[in-house]
Amino acid sequence: MNRIIQREIEVAFSRHAQPLWFRIVKWVFILGLGYFLWNTSFLWWILGILLIPALCLHFYYRYKTKAWTQSYGMWNYERNKSKIKDNSPGKQK
């Protein structure tokens, strides 16, 4: 289980997982939303509602890439190959 969490963190912070322009737009949007809605009661509702499609997209890509071990769509496995050793039984080294 620890290896799974380490791999998720590795993918989340990979420089190759998302293009630079996408990361910039994403964070500008998130920070802008937080800035404009900070003192309103809508902030947590909107963040909660946006969390649902974000998690659905994450788990869809995780499923299609077989836990980030195959290329799919814009995900390129060769560029994002894990540096975590897989010592599970039955795996070839």
PDB file of N, CA and C in Angstrom:
ATOM      1  N   MET A   1       0.825  -1.192   0.000  1.00  0.00           N
ATOM      2  CA  MET A   1       0.000   0.000   0.000  1.00  0.00           C
ATOM      3  C   MET A   1       0.869   1.256   0.000  1.00  0.00           C
ATOM      4  N   ASN A   2       1.975   1.208   0.735  1.00  0.00           N
ATOM      5  CA  ASN A   2       2.879   2.339   0.791  1.00  0.00           C
ATOM      6  C   ASN A   2       3.447   2.662  -0.594  1.00  0.00           C
ATOM      7  N   ARG A   3       3.744   1.628  -1.383  1.00  0.00           N
ATOM      8  CA  ARG A   3       4.276   1.808  -2.736  1.00  0.00           C
ATOM      9  C   ARG A   3       3.255   2.492  -3.631  1.00  0.00           C
ATOM     10  N   ILE A   4       1.976   2.175  -3.445  1.00  0.00           N
ATOM     11  CA  ILE A   4       0.906   2.786  -4.244  1.00  0.00           C
ATOM     12  C   ILE A   4       0.825   4.276  -3.948  1.00  0.00           C
ATOM     13  N   ILE A   5       0.878   4.627  -2.677  1.00  0.00           N
ATOM     14  CA  ILE A   5       0.816   6.038  -2.291  1.00  0.00           C
ATOM     15  C   ILE A   5       2.054   6.783  -2.802  1.00  0.00           C
ATOM     16  N   GLN A   6       3.221   6.158  -2.702  1.00  0.00           N
ATOM     17  CA  GLN A   6       4.440   6.783  -3.214  1.00  0.00           C
ATOM     18  C   GLN A   6       4.338   7.023  -4.711  1.00  0.00           C
ATOM     19  N   ARG A   7       3.768   6.061  -5.452  1.00  0.00           N
ATOM     20  CA  ARG A   7       3.634   6.218  -6.903  1.00  0.00           C
ATOM     21  C   ARG A   7       2.650   7.326  -7.240  1.00  0.00           C
ATOM     22  N   GLU A   8       1.545   7.426  -6.499  1.00  0.00           N
ATOM     23  CA  GLU A   8       0.577   8.498  -6.736  1.00  0.00           C
ATOM     24  C   GLU A   8       1.224   9.864  -6.523  1.00  0.00           C
ATOM     25  N   ILE A   9       2.022   9.994  -5.477  1.00  0.00           N
ATOM     26  CA  ILE A   9       2.712  11.253  -5.204  1.00  0.00           C
ATOM     27  C   ILE A   9       3.734  11.534  -6.297  1.00  0.00           C
ATOM     28  N   GLU A  10       4.437  10.501  -6.734  1.00  0.00           N
ATOM     29  CA  GLU A  10       5.421  10.648  -7.807  1.00  0.00           C
ATOM     30  C   GLU A  10       4.759  11.141  -9.095  1.00  0.00           C
ATOM     31  N   VAL A  11       3.604  10.597  -9.423  1.00  0.00           N
ATOM     32  CA  VAL A  11       2.871  11.021 -10.623  1.00  0.00           C
ATOM     33  C   VAL A  11       2.341  12.439 -10.450  1.00  0.00           C
ATOM     34  N   ALA A  12       1.812  12.747  -9.278  1.00  0.00           N
ATOM     35  CA  ALA A  12       1.234  14.067  -9.030  1.00  0.00           C
ATOM     36  C   ALA A  12       2.265  15.178  -9.178  1.00  0.00           C
ATOM     37  N   PHE A  13       3.494  14.928  -8.775  1.00  0.00           N
ATOM     38  CA  PHE A  13       4.521  15.965  -8.826  1.00  0.00           C
ATOM     39  C   PHE A  13       5.507  15.794  -9.968  1.00  0.00           C
ATOM     40  N   SER A  14       5.195  14.928 -10.924  1.00  0.00           N
ATOM     41  CA  SER A  14       6.058  14.727 -12.078  1.00  0.00           C
ATOM     42  C   SER A  14       6.042  15.965 -12.972  1.00  0.00           C
ATOM     43  N   ARG A  15       7.184  16.345 -13.452  1.00  0.00           N
ATOM     44  CA  ARG A  15       7.268  17.479 -14.377  1.00  0.00           C
ATOM     45  C   ARG A  15       6.762  17.106 -15.767  1.00  0.00           C
ATOM     46  N   HIS A  16       6.657  15.822 -16.043  1.00  0.00           N
ATOM     47  CA  HIS A  16       6.237  15.359 -17.363  1.00  0.00           C
ATOM     48  C   HIS A  16       4.767  14.959 -17.422  1.00  0.00           C
ATOM     49  N   ALA A  17       4.093  14.885 -16.289  1.00  0.00           N
ATOM     50  CA  ALA A  17       2.713  14.415 -16.258  1.00  0.00           C
ATOM     51  C   ALA A  17       1.763  15.397 -16.935  1.00  0.00           C
ATOM     52  N   GLN A  18       1.999  16.700 -16.752  1.00  0.00           N
ATOM     53  CA  GLN A  18       1.174  17.732 -17.371  1.00  0.00           C
ATOM     54  C   GLN A  18       2.097  18.765 -18.002  1.00  0.00           C
ATOM     55  N   PRO A  19       1.684  19.308 -19.142  1.00  0.00           N
ATOM     56  CA  PRO A  19       2.504  20.358 -19.752  1.00  0.00           C
ATOM     57  C   PRO A  19       2.577  21.589 -18.839  1.00  0.00           C
ATOM     58  N   LEU A  20       3.631  22.354 -18.971  1.00  0.00           N
ATOM     59  CA  LEU A  20       3.832  23.530 -18.135  1.00  0.00           C
ATOM     60  C   LEU A  20       2.678  24.521 -18.280  1.00  0.00           C
ATOM     61  N   TRP A  21       2.218  24.760 -19.506  1.00  0.00           N
ATOM     62  CA  TRP A  21       1.141  25.724 -19.715  1.00  0.00           C
ATOM     63  C   TRP A  21      -0.124  25.292 -18.972  1.00  0.00           C
ATOM     64  N   PHE A  22      -0.397  23.981 -18.923  1.00  0.00           N
ATOM     65  CA  PHE A  22      -1.589  23.486 -18.240  1.00  0.00           C
ATOM     66  C   PHE A  22      -1.486  23.694 -16.736  1.00  0.00           C
ATOM     67  N   ARG A  23      -0.302  23.423 -16.179  1.00  0.00           N
ATOM     68  CA  ARG A  23      -0.109  23.624 -14.745  1.00  0.00           C
ATOM     69  C   ARG A  23      -0.272  25.093 -14.364  1.00  0.00           C
ATOM     70  N   ILE A  24       0.250  25.995 -15.197  1.00  0.00           N
ATOM     71  CA  ILE A  24       0.127  27.426 -14.916  1.00  0.00           C
ATOM     72  C   ILE A  24      -1.336  27.854 -14.958  1.00  0.00           C
ATOM     73  N   VAL A  25      -2.055  27.458 -16.010  1.00  0.00           N
ATOM     74  CA  VAL A  25      -3.475  27.817 -16.130  1.00  0.00           C
ATOM     75  C   VAL A  25      -4.273  27.236 -14.971  1.00  0.00           C
ATOM     76  N   LYS A  26      -3.992  25.987 -14.612  1.00  0.00           N
ATOM     77  CA  LYS A  26      -4.709  25.331 -13.514  1.00  0.00           C
ATOM     78  C   LYS A  26      -4.537  26.090 -12.205  1.00  0.00           C
ATOM     79  N   TRP A  27      -3.312  26.456 -11.864  1.00  0.00           N
ATOM     80  CA  TRP A  27      -3.068  27.132 -10.599  1.00  0.00           C
ATOM     81  C   TRP A  27      -3.552  28.579 -10.614  1.00  0.00           C
ATOM     82  N   VAL A  28      -3.481  29.244 -11.761  1.00  0.00           N
ATOM     83  CA  VAL A  28      -4.046  30.596 -11.851  1.00  0.00           C
ATOM     84  C   VAL A  28      -5.555  30.527 -11.622  1.00  0.00           C
ATOM     85  N   PHE A  29      -6.214  29.542 -12.200  1.00  0.00           N
ATOM     86  CA  PHE A  29      -7.651  29.374 -12.022  1.00  0.00           C
ATOM     87  C   PHE A  29      -8.001  29.078 -10.565  1.00  0.00           C
ATOM     88  N   ILE A  30      -7.292  28.142  -9.951  1.00  0.00           N
ATOM     89  CA  ILE A  30      -7.580  27.759  -8.564  1.00  0.00           C
ATOM     90  C   ILE A  30      -7.328  28.928  -7.608  1.00  0.00           C
ATOM     91  N   LEU A  31      -6.188  29.603  -7.765  1.00  0.00           N
ATOM     92  CA  LEU A  31      -5.873  30.726  -6.887  1.00  0.00           C
ATOM     93  C   LEU A  31      -6.806  31.910  -7.134  1.00  0.00           C
ATOM     94  N   GLY A  32      -7.155  32.156  -8.403  1.00  0.00           N
ATOM     95  CA  GLY A  32      -8.104  33.226  -8.715  1.00  0.00           C
ATOM     96  C   GLY A  32      -9.470  32.954  -8.126  1.00  0.00           C
ATOM     97  N   LEU A  33      -9.915  31.714  -8.221  1.00  0.00           N
ATOM     98  CA  LEU A  33     -11.199  31.324  -7.636  1.00  0.00           C
ATOM     99  C   LEU A  33     -11.179  31.529  -6.120  1.00  0.00           C
ATOM    100  N   GLY A  34     -10.090  31.125  -5.491  1.00  0.00           N
ATOM    101  CA  GLY A  34      -9.960  31.316  -4.053  1.00  0.00           C
ATOM    102  C   GLY A  34      -9.923  32.782  -3.664  1.00  0.00           C
ATOM    103  N   TYR A  35      -9.233  33.585  -4.453  1.00  0.00           N
ATOM    104  CA  TYR A  35      -9.126  35.020  -4.152  1.00  0.00           C
ATOM    105  C   TYR A  35     -10.481  35.709  -4.247  1.00  0.00           C
ATOM    106  N   PHE A  36     -11.217  35.454  -5.324  1.00  0.00           N
ATOM    107  CA  PHE A  36     -12.488  36.149  -5.540  1.00  0.00           C
ATOM    108  C   PHE A  36     -13.623  35.620  -4.667  1.00  0.00           C
ATOM    109  N   LEU A  37     -13.524  34.389  -4.225  1.00  0.00           N
ATOM    110  CA  LEU A  37     -14.601  33.812  -3.435  1.00  0.00           C
ATOM    111  C   LEU A  37     -14.233  33.581  -1.970  1.00  0.00           C
ATOM    112  N   TRP A  38     -13.100  34.135  -1.514  1.00  0.00           N
ATOM    113  CA  TRP A  38     -12.588  33.840  -0.181  1.00  0.00           C
ATOM    114  C   TRP A  38     -13.593  34.141   0.939  1.00  0.00           C
ATOM    115  N   ASN A  39     -14.222  35.271   0.911  1.00  0.00           N
ATOM    116  CA  ASN A  39     -15.127  35.658   1.999  1.00  0.00           C
ATOM    117  C   ASN A  39     -16.585  35.357   1.691  1.00  0.00           C
ATOM    118  N   THR A  40     -16.848  34.427   0.819  1.00  0.00           N
ATOM    119  CA  THR A  40     -18.229  34.069   0.511  1.00  0.00           C
ATOM    120  C   THR A  40     -18.518  32.662   1.016  1.00  0.00           C
ATOM    121  N   SER A  41     -19.787  32.358   1.104  1.00  0.00           N
ATOM    122  CA  SER A  41     -20.172  31.007   1.525  1.00  0.00           C
ATOM    123  C   SER A  41     -20.118  30.027   0.351  1.00  0.00           C
ATOM    124  N   PHE A  42     -19.867  30.522  -0.861  1.00  0.00           N
ATOM    125  CA  PHE A  42     -19.840  29.670  -2.053  1.00  0.00           C
ATOM    126  C   PHE A  42     -18.512  28.950  -2.261  1.00  0.00           C
ATOM    127  N   LEU A  43     -17.440  29.455  -1.660  1.00  0.00           N
ATOM    128  CA  LEU A  43     -16.107  28.914  -1.920  1.00  0.00           C
ATOM    129  C   LEU A  43     -16.043  27.407  -1.693  1.00  0.00           C
ATOM    130  N   TRP A  44     -16.465  26.946  -0.526  1.00  0.00           N
ATOM    131  CA  TRP A  44     -16.350  25.513  -0.219  1.00  0.00           C
ATOM    132  C   TRP A  44     -17.308  24.679  -1.051  1.00  0.00           C
ATOM    133  N   TRP A  45     -18.464  25.229  -1.395  1.00  0.00           N
ATOM    134  CA  TRP A  45     -19.388  24.510  -2.274  1.00  0.00           C
ATOM    135  C   TRP A  45     -18.775  24.329  -3.662  1.00  0.00           C
ATOM    136  N   ILE A  46     -18.206  25.380  -4.197  1.00  0.00           N
ATOM    137  CA  ILE A  46     -17.616  25.314  -5.536  1.00  0.00           C
ATOM    138  C   ILE A  46     -16.413  24.378  -5.546  1.00  0.00           C
ATOM    139  N   LEU A  47     -15.534  24.497  -4.542  1.00  0.00           N
ATOM    140  CA  LEU A  47     -14.381  23.592  -4.478  1.00  0.00           C
ATOM    141  C   LEU A  47     -14.818  22.137  -4.336  1.00  0.00           C
ATOM    142  N   GLY A  48     -15.849  21.901  -3.543  1.00  0.00           N
ATOM    143  CA  GLY A  48     -16.368  20.539  -3.387  1.00  0.00           C
ATOM    144  C   GLY A  48     -16.963  20.001  -4.683  1.00  0.00           C
ATOM    145  N   ILE A  49     -17.682  20.858  -5.384  1.00  0.00           N
ATOM    146  CA  ILE A  49     -18.284  20.437  -6.662  1.00  0.00           C
ATOM    147  C   ILE A  49     -17.207  20.186  -7.709  1.00  0.00           C
ATOM    148  N   LEU A  50     -16.155  21.008  -7.747  1.00  0.00           N
ATOM    149  CA  LEU A  50     -15.065  20.809  -8.704  1.00  0.00           C
ATOM    150  C   LEU A  50     -14.210  19.592  -8.357  1.00  0.00           C
ATOM    151  N   LEU A  51     -14.196  19.222  -7.090  1.00  0.00           N
ATOM    152  CA  LEU A  51     -13.423  18.060  -6.668  1.00  0.00           C
ATOM    153  C   LEU A  51     -13.979  16.761  -7.267  1.00  0.00           C
ATOM    154  N   ILE A  52     -15.286  16.688  -7.429  1.00  0.00           N
ATOM    155  CA  ILE A  52     -15.915  15.463  -7.947  1.00  0.00           C
ATOM    156  C   ILE A  52     -15.448  15.131  -9.363  1.00  0.00           C
ATOM    157  N   PRO A  53     -15.564  16.047 -10.358  1.00  0.00           N
ATOM    158  CA  PRO A  53     -15.062  15.690 -11.698  1.00  0.00           C
ATOM    159  C   PRO A  53     -13.543  15.512 -11.729  1.00  0.00           C
ATOM    160  N   ALA A  54     -12.813  16.235 -10.871  1.00  0.00           N
ATOM    161  CA  ALA A  54     -11.361  16.066 -10.831  1.00  0.00           C
ATOM    162  C   ALA A  54     -10.990  14.653 -10.382  1.00  0.00           C
ATOM    163  N   LEU A  55     -11.652  14.157  -9.347  1.00  0.00           N
ATOM    164  CA  LEU A  55     -11.387  12.788  -8.882  1.00  0.00           C
ATOM    165  C   LEU A  55     -11.827  11.751  -9.910  1.00  0.00           C
ATOM    166  N   CYS A  56     -12.963  11.991 -10.557  1.00  0.00           N
ATOM    167  CA  CYS A  56     -13.431  11.065 -11.603  1.00  0.00           C
ATOM    168  C   CYS A  56     -12.419  10.984 -12.735  1.00  0.00           C
ATOM    169  N   LEU A  57     -11.896  12.125 -13.188  1.00  0.00           N
ATOM    170  CA  LEU A  57     -10.900  12.134 -14.257  1.00  0.00           C
ATOM    171  C   LEU A  57      -9.616  11.447 -13.811  1.00  0.00           C
ATOM    172  N   HIS A  58      -9.200  11.695 -12.578  1.00  0.00           N
ATOM    173  CA  HIS A  58      -7.992  11.055 -12.050  1.00  0.00           C
ATOM    174  C   HIS A  58      -8.137   9.539 -12.048  1.00  0.00           C
ATOM    175  N   PHE A  59      -9.238   9.044 -11.488  1.00  0.00           N
ATOM    176  CA  PHE A  59      -9.415   7.596 -11.409  1.00  0.00           C
ATOM    177  C   PHE A  59      -9.658   6.960 -12.770  1.00  0.00           C
ATOM    178  N   TYR A  60     -10.250   7.702 -13.713  1.00  0.00           N
ATOM    179  CA  TYR A  60     -10.420   7.194 -15.079  1.00  0.00           C
ATOM    180  C   TYR A  60      -9.046   6.992 -15.725  1.00  0.00           C
ATOM    181  N   TYR A  61      -8.186   7.996 -15.632  1.00  0.00           N
ATOM    182  CA  TYR A  61      -6.840   7.861 -16.203  1.00  0.00           C
ATOM    183  C   TYR A  61      -6.040   6.786 -15.470  1.00  0.00           C
ATOM    184  N   ARG A  62      -6.211   6.696 -14.165  1.00  0.00           N
ATOM    185  CA  ARG A  62      -5.507   5.663 -13.405  1.00  0.00           C
ATOM    186  C   ARG A  62      -5.944   4.270 -13.866  1.00  0.00           C
ATOM    187  N   TYR A  63      -7.232   4.098 -14.130  1.00  0.00           N
ATOM    188  CA  TYR A  63      -7.763   2.825 -14.611  1.00  0.00           C
ATOM    189  C   TYR A  63      -7.242   2.521 -16.015  1.00  0.00           C
ATOM    190  N   LYS A  64      -7.314   3.515 -16.917  1.00  0.00           N
ATOM    191  CA  LYS A  64      -6.903   3.292 -18.307  1.00  0.00           C
ATOM    192  C   LYS A  64      -5.398   3.061 -18.438  1.00  0.00           C
ATOM    193  N   THR A  65      -4.603   3.608 -17.523  1.00  0.00           N
ATOM    194  CA  THR A  65      -3.152   3.417 -17.587  1.00  0.00           C
ATOM    195  C   THR A  65      -2.689   2.253 -16.724  1.00  0.00           C
ATOM    196  N   LYS A  66      -3.648   1.527 -16.157  1.00  0.00           N
ATOM    197  CA  LYS A  66      -3.341   0.393 -15.272  1.00  0.00           C
ATOM    198  C   LYS A  66      -2.370   0.833 -14.173  1.00  0.00           C
ATOM    199  N   ALA A  67      -2.838   1.794 -13.372  1.00  0.00           N
ATOM    200  CA  ALA A  67      -2.080   2.370 -12.245  1.00  0.00           C
ATOM    201  C   ALA A  67      -0.778   3.013 -12.716  1.00  0.00           C
ATOM    202  N   TRP A  68      -0.872   3.786 -13.784  1.00  0.00           N
ATOM    203  CA  TRP A  68       0.237   4.577 -14.317  1.00  0.00           C
ATOM    204  C   TRP A  68       1.356   3.727 -14.878  1.00  0.00           C
ATOM    205  N   THR A  69       1.052   2.521 -15.392  1.00  0.00           N
ATOM    206  CA  THR A  69       2.093   1.643 -15.933  1.00  0.00           C
ATOM    207  C   THR A  69       1.989   1.454 -17.442  1.00  0.00           C
ATOM    208  N   GLN A  70       1.044   2.127 -18.097  1.00  0.00           N
ATOM    209  CA  GLN A  70       0.906   2.057 -19.556  1.00  0.00           C
ATOM    210  C   GLN A  70       0.569   3.443 -20.084  1.00  0.00           C
ATOM    211  N   SER A  71       0.934   3.706 -21.327  1.00  0.00           N
ATOM    212  CA  SER A  71       0.593   4.979 -21.941  1.00  0.00           C
ATOM    213  C   SER A  71      -0.879   4.987 -22.326  1.00  0.00           C
ATOM    214  N   TYR A  72      -1.500   6.157 -22.201  1.00  0.00           N
ATOM    215  CA  TYR A  72      -2.886   6.347 -22.624  1.00  0.00           C
ATOM    216  C   TYR A  72      -3.120   7.844 -22.795  1.00  0.00           C
ATOM    217  N   GLY A  73      -3.717   8.225 -23.924  1.00  0.00           N
ATOM    218  CA  GLY A  73      -4.012   9.630 -24.164  1.00  0.00           C
ATOM    219  C   GLY A  73      -2.746  10.460 -24.103  1.00  0.00           C
ATOM    220  N   MET A  74      -2.764  11.508 -23.287  1.00  0.00           N
ATOM    221  CA  MET A  74      -1.593  12.371 -23.157  1.00  0.00           C
ATOM    222  C   MET A  74      -0.584  11.831 -22.147  1.00  0.00           C
ATOM    223  N   TRP A  75      -0.907  10.758 -21.455  1.00  0.00           N
ATOM    224  CA  TRP A  75       0.002  10.150 -20.485  1.00  0.00           C
ATOM    225  C   TRP A  75       0.995   9.270 -21.223  1.00  0.00           C
ATOM    226  N   ASN A  76       2.279   9.589 -21.102  1.00  0.00           N
ATOM    227  CA  ASN A  76       3.334   8.828 -21.745  1.00  0.00           C
ATOM    228  C   ASN A  76       4.114   8.097 -20.657  1.00  0.00           C
ATOM    229  N   TYR A  77       3.961   6.789 -20.613  1.00  0.00           N
ATOM    230  CA  TYR A  77       4.589   6.009 -19.547  1.00  0.00           C
ATOM    231  C   TYR A  77       6.113   6.109 -19.579  1.00  0.00           C
ATOM    232  N   GLU A  78       6.710   6.096 -20.753  1.00  0.00           N
ATOM    233  CA  GLU A  78       8.169   6.118 -20.850  1.00  0.00           C
ATOM    234  C   GLU A  78       8.760   7.400 -20.245  1.00  0.00           C
ATOM    235  N   ARG A  79       8.065   8.514 -20.383  1.00  0.00           N
ATOM    236  CA  ARG A  79       8.554   9.777 -19.825  1.00  0.00           C
ATOM    237  C   ARG A  79       8.296   9.870 -18.332  1.00  0.00           C
ATOM    238  N   ASN A  80       7.359   9.074 -17.822  1.00  0.00           N
ATOM    239  CA  ASN A  80       6.964   9.151 -16.415  1.00  0.00           C
ATOM    240  C   ASN A  80       7.229   7.855 -15.676  1.00  0.00           C
ATOM    241  N   LYS A  81       8.161   7.076 -16.156  1.00  0.00           N
ATOM    242  CA  LYS A  81       8.439   5.778 -15.553  1.00  0.00           C
ATOM    243  C   LYS A  81       8.822   5.935 -14.085  1.00  0.00           C
ATOM    244  N   SER A  82       8.314   5.040 -13.263  1.00  0.00           N
ATOM    245  CA  SER A  82       8.526   5.109 -11.817  1.00  0.00           C
ATOM    246  C   SER A  82       9.966   4.803 -11.450  1.00  0.00           C
ATOM    247  N   LYS A  83      10.427   5.482 -10.421  1.00  0.00           N
ATOM    248  CA  LYS A  83      11.747   5.199  -9.879  1.00  0.00           C
ATOM    249  C   LYS A  83      11.628   4.311  -8.643  1.00  0.00           C
ATOM    250  N   ILE A  84      10.409   3.910  -8.320  1.00  0.00           N
ATOM    251  CA  ILE A  84      10.153   3.047  -7.172  1.00  0.00           C
ATOM    252  C   ILE A  84      10.340   1.601  -7.612  1.00  0.00           C
ATOM    253  N   LYS A  85      11.129   0.852  -6.866  1.00  0.00           N
ATOM    254  CA  LYS A  85      11.350  -0.553  -7.192  1.00  0.00           C
ATOM    255  C   LYS A  85      10.112  -1.364  -6.879  1.00  0.00           C
ATOM    256  N   ASP A  86       9.753  -2.285  -7.777  1.00  0.00           N
ATOM    257  CA  ASP A  86       8.605  -3.165  -7.568  1.00  0.00           C
ATOM    258  C   ASP A  86       9.142  -4.522  -7.112  1.00  0.00           C
ATOM    259  N   ASN A  87       9.045  -4.799  -5.840  1.00  0.00           N
ATOM    260  CA  ASN A  87       9.541  -6.043  -5.267  1.00  0.00           C
ATOM    261  C   ASN A  87       8.427  -7.027  -4.971  1.00  0.00           C
ATOM    262  N   SER A  88       7.279  -6.854  -5.609  1.00  0.00           N
ATOM    263  CA  SER A  88       6.170  -7.766  -5.330  1.00  0.00           C
ATOM    264  C   SER A  88       6.457  -9.129  -5.937  1.00  0.00           C
ATOM    265  N   PRO A  89       5.928 -10.216  -5.323  1.00  0.00           N
ATOM    266  CA  PRO A  89       6.169 -11.557  -5.822  1.00  0.00           C
ATOM    267  C   PRO A  89       5.588 -11.748  -7.220  1.00  0.00           C
ATOM    268  N   GLY A  90       6.299 -12.490  -8.038  1.00  0.00           N
ATOM    269  CA  GLY A  90       5.799 -12.799  -9.371  1.00  0.00           C
ATOM    270  C   GLY A  90       6.223 -11.788 -10.427  1.00  0.00           C
ATOM    271  N   LYS A  91       6.854 -10.703 -10.025  1.00  0.00           N
ATOM    272  CA  LYS A  91       7.310  -9.695 -10.989  1.00  0.00           C
ATOM    273  C   LYS A  91       8.725 -10.022 -11.422  1.00  0.00           C
ATOM    274  N   GLN A  92       8.978  -9.861 -12.710  1.00  0.00           N
ATOM    275  CA  GLN A  92      10.305 -10.070 -13.249  1.00  0.00           C
ATOM    276  C   GLN A  92      11.145  -8.834 -13.021  1.00  0.00           C
ATOM    277  N   LYS A  93      12.405  -9.004 -12.710  1.00  0.00           N
ATOM    278  CA  LYS A  93      13.295  -7.854 -12.505  1.00  0.00           C
ATOM    279  C   LYS A  93      14.135  -7.611 -13.722  1.00  0.00           C
TER     280      LYS A  93
END
